[in-house]
Amino acid sequence: YGFYTGFDSDNSSGDFSEANHKVAEMLDLDPHQSNTTGKHNRETEIQENGIKRHRTSLPAPMFSRSDFSVWSILKKCIGLELSKITMPIVFNEPLSFLQRITEYMEHIYLINKACSHADPLERMQAVAAFAVSAVASQWERTGKPFNPLLGETYELTREDLGFRFISEQVSHHPPISAFYSEGLNKDFIFHGSIYPKLKFCIEAEPRGTITLELLKYNEAYTWTNPTCCVHNVIIGKLWLEQYGTVEIVNHSTGDKCVLNFKPCGLFGKELHRVEGYIQDKNRKKLCVIYGKWTECLWCTDPTTYETYKKNEKRGGEQKKLKPSEDVIKSENDDADDMPEVQDTVQFIPGSKLLWRINCRPPNSSQMYNFTSFAVSLNELEKGMEAILAPTDCRLRPDIRNMENGNMDVASKEKERLEEKQRAARKERAKDEVEWHTRWFHQGTNPYTGTSDWLYSGGYFDRNFSDCPDIY
């Protein structure tokens, strides 16, 4: 996530914002012609069983970035702070970073699976798969989500998936996004804060603790996301890489899962690979986990894994996994979550499938490489505007216009909102007034003892009378 935050600051010099005005002309987009893809999704459809059916495409297809270069912008910024760079809207995708965070919940069935297991090892396996799945939606997503305005919020309630979610941009310097989610059946609480430490534009070290509480077992798991890196900023096709060590700790049992997101290496041999293990409080390895964060995750016992690796080094036969409906159905009751795709992971016989990436819609490449879950995030359903907080991302005009293909309007709205934010900050400084967050407060994570942003409660009571005017 980190590459896409830290731009468009309210301290932005605006030196490069003139590029935004030229975007619509260069793209030659006609919003009236491009709106056909989402025509049938203007109102939420209802399935026969009464469950809402969310839209399956965006109102307008994405534009081509082939005529634009990230480097053409960044080379003018050498010596400047990243927070003083305003990127043209052409590099965005029509989602706020707060909505991007919500994509953690795309594979919520893994939390449900963890809640259903009596065995703590199986619970840890499901939680580990959930932690890996949280970054899977970033695959081929090279568009920059909109940097949230201070005080911006996003809520999502999915009765069909059994959760509700609220997030708030609690700080702008540094950029910090806090979120809280809970199961509608009171079976879990999931919360955290994300504030990446930016290196020059291509790498972000994530900071902030992610916490998952399984209430039935009185268990809490914590971890931090891997480092995100963007390649080919200067020339070539942009692509994302996740690497670094992720440690998931079960604070009740002392079990720990250590996952190594491997850097791709010189010849790409380790591309997207994830390997690790689960150990108990006495550091005994209980199982080995392997796979790719862009494809799938498997687990096997340590002895089988070591035997296979030794055989592999001796040049023994290697088996590649082929799609198997029997395997898929036995390892996951949710057949809809399991795509029919060819994996490239070396399969170790006897392994158990923990997770497989969801299929993307057929038109995903024309929709910023969004998943089906991501496509639905900015959907403004009929009647929703009357109950949303006035700070909700869905009401943000620059994102809404970009989604609808109105690039020129979106660009101007983006600049207007940034200027409004700068003016508000100057006014607060002049009056010596501190900014107060609305739904989260700074405190201490009860499990790690580290600084964290915690949910203050009350959002779903829908008293929005004192929400800031940010749009």
Protein backbone atom coordinates (compact mmCIF):
# COMPACT_ATOMS: atom_id res chain seq x y z
CA TYR A 1 0.00 0.00 0.00
CA GLY A 2 2.74 2.39 0.95
CA PHE A 3 3.77 3.59 -2.50
CA TYR A 4 0.35 5.08 -2.98
CA THR A 5 0.21 7.17 0.16
CA GLY A 6 2.10 10.25 1.16
CA PHE A 7 1.33 12.19 -2.03
CA ASP A 8 -1.25 14.92 -2.55
CA SER A 9 -0.50 16.47 0.80
CA ASP A 10 -2.19 19.55 2.19
CA ASN A 11 1.36 20.92 2.21
CA SER A 12 1.63 20.24 -1.50
CA SER A 13 3.43 22.96 -3.41
CA GLY A 14 1.18 22.40 -6.41
CA ASP A 15 4.17 22.68 -8.72
CA PHE A 16 3.07 19.67 -10.71
CA SER A 17 -0.68 20.01 -10.44
CA GLU A 18 -0.92 21.69 -13.85
CA ALA A 19 -0.42 18.24 -15.34
CA ASN A 20 -3.88 17.33 -14.08
CA HIS A 21 -5.53 19.84 -16.42
CA LYS A 22 -4.00 18.20 -19.46
CA VAL A 23 -5.07 14.67 -18.60
CA ALA A 24 -8.60 14.77 -20.01
CA GLU A 25 -7.46 16.31 -23.29
CA MET A 26 -4.71 13.74 -23.80
CA LEU A 27 -6.98 10.83 -22.94
CA ASP A 28 -9.74 12.00 -25.30
CA LEU A 29 -12.41 10.39 -23.14
CA ASP A 30 -16.11 10.81 -23.81
CA PRO A 31 -17.91 10.04 -20.55
CA HIS A 32 -21.21 9.60 -22.36
CA GLN A 33 -19.78 6.89 -24.59
CA SER A 34 -17.78 5.20 -21.86
CA ASN A 35 -20.66 4.87 -19.44
CA THR A 36 -22.16 1.83 -21.12
CA THR A 37 -20.22 -0.75 -19.09
CA GLY A 38 -22.04 0.12 -15.89
CA LYS A 39 -25.47 0.95 -17.27
CA HIS A 40 -27.11 -2.14 -15.85
CA ASN A 41 -25.54 -1.58 -12.43
CA ARG A 42 -26.99 1.85 -11.60
CA GLU A 43 -29.25 0.35 -9.00
CA THR A 44 -28.50 -2.58 -6.76
CA GLU A 45 -30.12 -5.73 -8.06
CA ILE A 46 -31.85 -8.20 -5.75
CA GLN A 47 -31.24 -11.90 -6.06
CA GLU A 48 -34.09 -14.37 -5.74
CA ASN A 49 -32.98 -15.32 -2.25
CA GLY A 50 -33.27 -11.70 -1.13
CA ILE A 51 -29.53 -11.04 -0.84
CA LYS A 52 -28.25 -7.88 -2.47
CA ARG A 53 -26.31 -8.35 -5.66
CA HIS A 54 -23.54 -5.81 -5.96
CA ARG A 55 -22.46 -4.29 -9.23
CA THR A 56 -20.10 -6.25 -11.45
CA SER A 57 -18.51 -3.40 -13.42
CA LEU A 58 -17.63 0.27 -13.12
CA PRO A 59 -19.66 3.01 -14.82
CA ALA A 60 -16.77 3.80 -17.18
CA PRO A 61 -13.71 1.83 -18.30
CA MET A 62 -10.25 2.90 -17.20
CA PHE A 63 -8.08 5.05 -19.44
CA SER A 64 -4.71 4.14 -20.88
CA ARG A 65 -1.62 5.32 -19.07
CA SER A 66 0.67 4.48 -21.98
CA ASP A 67 1.26 8.17 -22.76
CA PHE A 68 2.29 8.98 -19.19
CA SER A 69 5.40 8.22 -17.19
CA VAL A 70 5.68 8.27 -13.42
CA TRP A 71 9.34 9.12 -13.84
CA SER A 72 8.51 12.21 -15.90
CA ILE A 73 6.91 13.57 -12.74
CA LEU A 74 9.34 12.22 -10.17
CA LYS A 75 12.52 13.41 -11.89
CA LYS A 76 11.32 16.98 -11.34
CA CYS A 77 10.91 16.25 -7.65
CA ILE A 78 14.44 15.22 -6.71
CA GLY A 79 15.35 17.06 -3.53
CA LEU A 80 11.73 17.65 -2.52
CA GLU A 81 9.91 15.92 0.29
CA LEU A 82 7.47 13.27 -0.95
CA SER A 83 4.69 15.09 0.87
CA LYS A 84 5.20 18.09 -1.42
CA ILE A 85 4.54 16.19 -4.63
CA THR A 86 1.14 16.29 -6.30
CA MET A 87 0.70 13.43 -8.74
CA PRO A 88 -1.60 13.88 -11.77
CA ILE A 89 -4.91 12.07 -11.50
CA VAL A 90 -3.92 9.88 -14.47
CA PHE A 91 -1.96 7.68 -12.03
CA ASN A 92 -4.95 7.15 -9.72
CA GLU A 93 -7.60 4.48 -9.46
CA PRO A 94 -11.14 5.53 -8.43
CA LEU A 95 -10.89 4.40 -4.83
CA SER A 96 -9.70 6.07 -1.65
CA PHE A 97 -6.94 4.39 0.33
CA LEU A 98 -9.56 3.81 3.04
CA GLN A 99 -11.53 1.72 0.56
CA ARG A 100 -8.36 -0.09 -0.46
CA ILE A 101 -7.83 -1.09 3.19
CA THR A 102 -11.33 -2.57 3.21
CA GLU A 103 -10.11 -5.14 0.70
CA TYR A 104 -8.67 -6.99 3.70
CA MET A 105 -12.21 -8.32 4.07
CA GLU A 106 -12.45 -9.90 0.61
CA HIS A 107 -11.41 -13.29 1.99
CA ILE A 108 -13.39 -13.05 5.21
CA TYR A 109 -14.34 -16.71 4.84
CA LEU A 110 -10.88 -17.43 6.27
CA ILE A 111 -11.82 -15.65 9.50
CA ASN A 112 -15.04 -17.66 9.56
CA LYS A 113 -12.99 -20.81 9.04
CA ALA A 114 -10.69 -19.85 11.94
CA CYS A 115 -13.74 -19.34 14.15
CA SER A 116 -15.05 -22.81 13.25
CA HIS A 117 -11.89 -24.78 14.15
CA ALA A 118 -11.50 -26.26 17.63
CA ASP A 119 -7.81 -26.97 17.01
CA PRO A 120 -5.59 -23.89 17.67
CA LEU A 121 -3.14 -25.01 14.96
CA GLU A 122 -5.90 -25.00 12.37
CA ARG A 123 -7.02 -21.60 13.60
CA MET A 124 -3.50 -20.24 13.14
CA GLN A 125 -3.34 -21.73 9.64
CA ALA A 126 -6.55 -19.93 8.68
CA VAL A 127 -5.33 -16.65 10.22
CA ALA A 128 -2.02 -16.97 8.35
CA ALA A 129 -3.92 -17.49 5.10
CA PHE A 130 -6.03 -14.43 5.89
CA ALA A 131 -2.92 -12.31 6.46
CA VAL A 132 -1.50 -13.37 3.09
CA SER A 133 -4.82 -12.89 1.30
CA ALA A 134 -4.94 -9.29 2.55
CA VAL A 135 -2.23 -8.26 0.08
CA ALA A 136 -3.41 -10.48 -2.80
CA SER A 137 -5.75 -7.86 -4.29
CA GLN A 138 -2.72 -5.63 -4.96
CA TRP A 139 -1.51 -7.96 -7.69
CA GLU A 140 -1.32 -5.93 -10.93
CA ARG A 141 -2.96 -2.97 -9.19
CA THR A 142 -0.54 -0.21 -10.26
CA GLY A 143 -3.05 2.63 -9.94
CA LYS A 144 -2.65 4.93 -6.96
CA PRO A 145 -5.66 5.11 -4.62
CA PHE A 146 -6.65 8.63 -3.66
CA ASN A 147 -4.89 9.88 -0.57
CA PRO A 148 -7.61 10.28 2.10
CA LEU A 149 -8.40 13.74 3.35
CA LEU A 150 -8.00 14.32 7.07
CA GLY A 151 -11.26 13.21 8.68
CA GLU A 152 -12.37 11.16 5.67
CA THR A 153 -14.24 7.95 6.55
CA TYR A 154 -15.51 4.82 4.89
CA GLU A 155 -18.06 2.33 6.12
CA LEU A 156 -19.08 -1.00 4.67
CA THR A 157 -21.72 -3.39 5.94
CA ARG A 158 -22.02 -6.72 4.14
CA GLU A 159 -24.77 -8.81 5.65
CA ASP A 160 -24.11 -11.51 3.06
CA LEU A 161 -20.52 -11.82 4.29
CA GLY A 162 -21.31 -11.21 7.96
CA PHE A 163 -19.30 -8.10 8.86
CA ARG A 164 -19.32 -4.35 9.14
CA PHE A 165 -16.31 -2.08 8.75
CA ILE A 166 -15.44 1.54 9.54
CA SER A 167 -12.23 3.46 8.84
CA GLU A 168 -11.03 7.03 9.35
CA GLN A 169 -8.04 9.08 8.21
CA VAL A 170 -6.79 10.09 11.63
CA SER A 171 -3.60 11.90 10.62
CA HIS A 172 -2.23 13.57 7.52
CA HIS A 173 1.39 14.16 8.54
CA PRO A 174 2.30 11.37 8.71
CA PRO A 175 -0.61 9.76 6.82
CA ILE A 176 -2.35 7.31 9.18
CA SER A 177 -5.47 5.30 8.43
CA ALA A 178 -7.27 3.50 11.26
CA PHE A 179 -9.91 0.80 10.81
CA TYR A 180 -12.22 -1.41 12.84
CA SER A 181 -14.39 -4.33 11.77
CA GLU A 182 -16.60 -6.73 13.63
CA GLY A 183 -18.56 -9.84 12.82
CA LEU A 184 -22.31 -9.39 12.70
CA ASN A 185 -22.55 -12.63 14.68
CA LYS A 186 -20.24 -11.20 17.38
CA ASP A 187 -17.63 -13.82 16.52
CA PHE A 188 -14.60 -11.62 15.74
CA ILE A 189 -13.10 -8.14 15.96
CA PHE A 190 -10.51 -6.99 13.42
CA HIS A 191 -8.77 -3.65 13.76
CA GLY A 192 -5.56 -1.81 13.07
CA SER A 193 -3.80 1.26 11.76
CA ILE A 194 -1.59 1.71 8.74
CA TYR A 195 1.04 4.41 8.43
CA PRO A 196 3.75 3.45 5.96
CA LYS A 197 7.28 4.77 6.20
CA LEU A 198 8.07 5.98 2.70
CA LYS A 199 11.35 5.63 0.94
CA PHE A 200 11.83 7.51 -2.31
CA CYS A 201 8.63 6.66 -4.08
CA ILE A 202 9.29 3.02 -4.85
CA GLU A 203 9.31 1.34 -1.46
CA ALA A 204 7.21 1.52 1.67
CA GLU A 205 7.87 -0.12 5.00
CA PRO A 206 4.48 -0.67 6.66
CA ARG A 207 4.02 0.42 10.22
CA GLY A 208 1.01 -0.10 12.41
CA THR A 209 -0.30 -3.23 14.07
CA ILE A 210 -3.02 -5.46 12.64
CA THR A 211 -5.09 -7.22 15.30
CA LEU A 212 -7.61 -10.04 14.92
CA GLU A 213 -9.61 -11.21 17.94
CA LEU A 214 -11.53 -14.50 17.85
CA LEU A 215 -14.05 -13.91 20.61
CA LYS A 216 -15.25 -17.51 20.96
CA TYR A 217 -11.75 -18.66 21.91
CA ASN A 218 -10.66 -15.47 23.66
CA GLU A 219 -7.70 -15.32 21.29
CA ALA A 220 -5.89 -12.35 19.80
CA TYR A 221 -3.50 -12.43 16.84
CA THR A 222 -1.27 -9.52 15.80
CA TRP A 223 0.99 -8.89 12.80
CA THR A 224 2.42 -6.23 10.49
CA ASN A 225 2.19 -6.26 6.70
CA PRO A 226 5.20 -6.92 4.43
CA THR A 227 7.12 -4.21 2.59
CA CYS A 228 5.59 -3.05 -0.70
CA CYS A 229 7.85 -2.12 -3.61
CA VAL A 230 7.00 -0.73 -7.05
CA HIS A 231 9.34 -1.62 -9.91
CA ASN A 232 10.00 0.00 -13.29
CA VAL A 233 9.16 3.53 -12.15
CA ILE A 234 11.66 4.95 -14.66
CA ILE A 235 10.98 2.70 -17.65
CA GLY A 236 8.95 -0.39 -18.44
CA LYS A 237 5.72 -1.77 -17.03
CA LEU A 238 5.01 -1.03 -13.38
CA TRP A 239 4.68 -4.05 -11.13
CA LEU A 240 4.35 -4.63 -7.40
CA GLU A 241 6.39 -6.81 -5.12
CA GLN A 242 5.79 -7.74 -1.49
CA TYR A 243 8.74 -8.85 0.62
CA GLY A 244 9.90 -9.09 4.20
CA THR A 245 9.09 -11.17 7.25
CA VAL A 246 5.61 -11.21 8.76
CA GLU A 247 5.22 -12.62 12.27
CA ILE A 248 1.74 -13.55 13.42
CA VAL A 249 1.54 -14.06 17.18
CA ASN A 250 -1.25 -15.81 19.05
CA HIS A 251 -1.10 -13.96 22.36
CA SER A 252 -3.22 -16.58 24.12
CA THR A 253 -1.31 -19.76 23.27
CA GLY A 254 2.14 -18.37 22.47
CA ASP A 255 2.03 -19.96 19.01
CA LYS A 256 3.72 -17.97 16.26
CA CYS A 257 3.60 -18.06 12.48
CA VAL A 258 6.64 -16.69 10.65
CA LEU A 259 6.06 -15.94 6.97
CA ASN A 260 8.85 -14.90 4.63
CA PHE A 261 7.67 -12.94 1.59
CA LYS A 262 10.67 -13.50 -0.64
CA PRO A 263 12.15 -10.83 -2.92
CA CYS A 264 11.99 -11.94 -6.55
CA GLY A 265 15.77 -12.20 -7.01
CA LEU A 266 17.91 -11.54 -10.07
CA PHE A 267 16.16 -13.98 -12.41
CA GLY A 268 12.72 -13.85 -10.81
CA LYS A 269 13.01 -17.35 -9.38
CA GLU A 270 11.46 -16.34 -6.06
CA LEU A 271 8.80 -14.08 -7.58
CA HIS A 272 5.72 -13.77 -5.30
CA ARG A 273 6.86 -16.71 -3.15
CA VAL A 274 5.85 -17.04 0.49
CA GLU A 275 7.39 -19.63 2.81
CA GLY A 276 7.20 -20.02 6.54
CA TYR A 277 6.18 -22.15 9.47
CA ILE A 278 4.03 -22.27 12.57
CA GLN A 279 5.74 -22.98 15.89
CA ASP A 280 4.41 -23.47 19.40
CA LYS A 281 5.49 -21.50 22.48
CA ASN A 282 8.44 -23.90 22.89
CA ARG A 283 9.58 -23.12 19.32
CA LYS A 284 8.69 -26.56 18.04
CA LYS A 285 7.73 -26.39 14.36
CA LEU A 286 4.18 -27.65 13.92
CA CYS A 287 3.77 -27.18 10.18
CA VAL A 288 5.33 -25.53 7.14
CA ILE A 289 3.45 -23.05 4.94
CA TYR A 290 4.35 -22.32 1.32
CA GLY A 291 2.86 -20.80 -1.82
CA LYS A 292 2.55 -17.45 -3.58
CA TRP A 293 0.68 -14.38 -2.38
CA THR A 294 -0.68 -13.96 -5.92
CA GLU A 295 -2.01 -17.52 -6.18
CA CYS A 296 -2.45 -19.88 -3.27
CA LEU A 297 -1.13 -21.09 0.07
CA TRP A 298 -0.53 -24.66 1.24
CA CYS A 299 0.69 -26.33 4.42
CA THR A 300 2.36 -29.62 5.22
CA ASP A 301 4.19 -31.21 8.13
CA PRO A 302 7.87 -30.26 8.61
CA THR A 303 9.23 -33.77 7.98
CA THR A 304 7.46 -34.10 4.63
CA TYR A 305 8.64 -30.63 3.65
CA GLU A 306 12.29 -31.28 4.49
CA THR A 307 12.25 -34.65 2.73
CA TYR A 308 10.79 -33.05 -0.39
CA LYS A 309 13.34 -30.23 -0.36
CA LYS A 310 16.25 -32.67 -0.01
CA ASN A 311 14.88 -34.72 -2.90
CA GLU A 312 14.48 -31.53 -4.93
CA LYS A 313 18.14 -30.61 -4.41
CA ARG A 314 19.17 -34.06 -5.62
CA GLY A 315 17.24 -33.48 -8.83
CA GLY A 316 14.26 -35.63 -7.98
CA GLU A 317 10.95 -35.36 -9.78
CA GLN A 318 8.88 -32.26 -9.06
CA LYS A 319 5.16 -32.15 -9.29
CA LYS A 320 3.20 -29.08 -10.23
CA LEU A 321 -0.30 -28.62 -8.91
CA LYS A 322 -3.09 -28.94 -11.43
CA PRO A 323 -6.55 -27.62 -10.65
CA SER A 324 -8.56 -30.27 -8.85
CA GLU A 325 -12.17 -29.81 -7.91
CA ASP A 326 -11.82 -32.59 -5.35
CA VAL A 327 -8.96 -30.78 -3.61
CA ILE A 328 -10.71 -27.43 -3.77
CA LYS A 329 -14.01 -28.65 -2.40
CA SER A 330 -12.41 -30.65 0.37
CA GLU A 331 -10.32 -27.75 1.58
CA ASN A 332 -12.89 -24.99 1.29
CA ASP A 333 -16.63 -25.28 1.61
CA ASP A 334 -17.05 -22.01 -0.29
CA ALA A 335 -16.72 -23.23 -3.88
CA ASP A 336 -17.49 -19.73 -5.14
CA ASP A 337 -14.26 -18.49 -3.58
CA MET A 338 -12.16 -20.97 -5.53
CA PRO A 339 -11.22 -20.01 -9.09
CA GLU A 340 -10.34 -22.48 -11.80
CA VAL A 341 -6.78 -21.31 -12.44
CA GLN A 342 -3.49 -23.02 -13.16
CA ASP A 343 -1.06 -22.57 -10.27
CA THR A 344 2.68 -22.29 -10.70
CA VAL A 345 3.48 -23.35 -7.14
CA GLN A 346 5.52 -26.53 -6.69
CA PHE A 347 3.07 -28.87 -4.99
CA ILE A 348 4.29 -31.13 -2.21
CA PRO A 349 2.17 -34.33 -2.11
CA GLY A 350 -0.02 -34.53 0.96
CA SER A 351 -0.25 -30.76 1.43
CA LYS A 352 -3.45 -29.08 2.57
CA LEU A 353 -4.86 -26.10 0.70
CA LEU A 354 -5.28 -23.08 2.98
CA TRP A 355 -6.29 -20.39 0.49
CA ARG A 356 -6.55 -19.68 -3.21
CA ILE A 357 -6.96 -16.27 -4.83
CA ASN A 358 -10.39 -15.31 -6.13
CA CYS A 359 -11.04 -15.07 -9.84
CA ARG A 360 -11.17 -11.55 -11.16
CA PRO A 361 -14.03 -10.49 -13.41
CA PRO A 362 -13.44 -10.98 -17.16
CA ASN A 363 -13.29 -7.22 -17.72
CA SER A 364 -10.90 -6.58 -14.82
CA SER A 365 -8.13 -5.22 -17.06
CA GLN A 366 -10.50 -2.44 -18.18
CA MET A 367 -11.36 -1.71 -14.53
CA TYR A 368 -7.94 -0.95 -13.00
CA ASN A 369 -7.45 -4.69 -12.38
CA PHE A 370 -10.08 -4.56 -9.64
CA THR A 371 -11.37 -7.72 -8.04
CA SER A 372 -15.14 -8.25 -7.93
CA PHE A 373 -15.04 -7.12 -4.29
CA ALA A 374 -13.16 -3.91 -5.18
CA VAL A 375 -15.61 -3.10 -7.98
CA SER A 376 -18.43 -2.87 -5.43
CA LEU A 377 -16.66 -0.64 -2.88
CA ASN A 378 -17.56 2.77 -4.31
CA GLU A 379 -21.08 1.79 -5.29
CA LEU A 380 -23.58 4.38 -4.07
CA GLU A 381 -26.82 2.51 -3.66
CA LYS A 382 -30.21 4.18 -3.78
CA GLY A 383 -31.03 5.79 -0.42
CA MET A 384 -27.52 5.30 0.93
CA GLU A 385 -26.56 8.98 0.73
CA ALA A 386 -29.19 9.83 3.35
CA ILE A 387 -27.63 7.58 6.00
CA LEU A 388 -23.90 7.85 5.25
CA ALA A 389 -21.58 10.09 7.23
CA PRO A 390 -20.92 13.28 5.19
CA THR A 391 -17.22 12.33 5.26
CA ASP A 392 -17.71 8.96 3.53
CA CYS A 393 -15.50 8.24 0.49
CA ARG A 394 -18.53 7.49 -1.67
CA LEU A 395 -19.50 11.16 -1.45
CA ARG A 396 -16.07 12.42 -2.49
CA PRO A 397 -16.56 14.25 -5.81
CA ASP A 398 -13.13 13.70 -7.40
CA ILE A 399 -13.33 9.91 -6.97
CA ARG A 400 -16.94 9.82 -8.12
CA ASN A 401 -16.19 11.82 -11.27
CA MET A 402 -13.17 9.71 -12.09
CA GLU A 403 -15.22 6.54 -11.71
CA ASN A 404 -17.78 8.00 -14.13
CA GLY A 405 -15.08 8.86 -16.67
CA ASN A 406 -15.29 12.64 -16.14
CA MET A 407 -11.53 13.10 -15.89
CA ASP A 408 -11.36 16.86 -16.31
CA VAL A 409 -13.96 17.44 -13.58
CA ALA A 410 -12.28 14.87 -11.34
CA SER A 411 -8.92 16.61 -11.72
CA LYS A 412 -10.37 20.01 -10.84
CA GLU A 413 -12.27 18.58 -7.87
CA LYS A 414 -9.13 16.90 -6.60
CA GLU A 415 -7.28 20.21 -6.62
CA ARG A 416 -10.22 22.00 -4.99
CA LEU A 417 -10.35 19.47 -2.15
CA GLU A 418 -6.61 19.68 -1.59
CA GLU A 419 -6.79 23.48 -1.46
CA LYS A 420 -9.73 23.28 0.94
CA GLN A 421 -7.69 20.99 3.17
CA ARG A 422 -4.68 23.33 3.08
CA ALA A 423 -6.86 26.31 3.94
CA ALA A 424 -8.48 24.47 6.85
CA ARG A 425 -5.10 23.51 8.22
CA LYS A 426 -3.84 27.10 8.03
CA GLU A 427 -6.98 28.30 9.78
CA ARG A 428 -6.49 25.82 12.62
CA ALA A 429 -2.85 26.87 12.96
CA LYS A 430 -3.86 30.52 13.04
CA ASP A 431 -6.43 29.91 15.78
CA GLU A 432 -4.14 27.41 17.55
CA VAL A 433 -6.85 24.75 17.32
CA GLU A 434 -5.85 21.09 17.31
CA TRP A 435 -7.51 18.55 15.03
CA HIS A 436 -9.67 16.02 16.86
CA THR A 437 -10.43 12.64 15.38
CA ARG A 438 -14.06 11.55 15.43
CA TRP A 439 -14.23 7.76 15.61
CA PHE A 440 -10.75 6.64 16.74
CA HIS A 441 -8.35 7.69 19.47
CA GLN A 442 -4.66 7.15 20.03
CA GLY A 443 -3.88 4.57 22.68
CA THR A 444 -1.97 1.39 23.41
CA ASN A 445 -2.58 -1.95 21.76
CA PRO A 446 -3.61 -4.22 24.67
CA TYR A 447 -1.68 -7.20 23.27
CA THR A 448 1.57 -5.71 21.98
CA GLY A 449 1.89 -2.72 24.30
CA THR A 450 2.75 -0.53 21.32
CA SER A 451 1.09 2.70 20.23
CA ASP A 452 -2.07 2.11 18.22
CA TRP A 453 -5.26 3.79 17.04
CA LEU A 454 -8.31 2.29 18.72
CA TYR A 455 -11.98 2.50 17.80
CA SER A 456 -13.90 4.84 20.10
CA GLY A 457 -17.28 3.32 19.22
CA GLY A 458 -20.57 4.92 18.34
CA TYR A 459 -20.25 5.23 14.58
CA PHE A 460 -23.22 3.01 13.78
CA ASP A 461 -25.44 5.09 16.10
CA ARG A 462 -25.32 7.50 13.14
CA ASN A 463 -24.97 10.76 15.00
CA PHE A 464 -23.02 12.68 12.38
CA SER A 465 -23.89 16.20 13.55
CA ASP A 466 -20.31 17.12 14.46
CA CYS A 467 -18.55 15.60 11.42
CA PRO A 468 -16.16 18.00 9.65
CA ASP A 469 -16.99 19.56 6.28
CA ILE A 470 -14.18 18.21 4.10
CA TYR A 471 -15.83 17.97 0.67
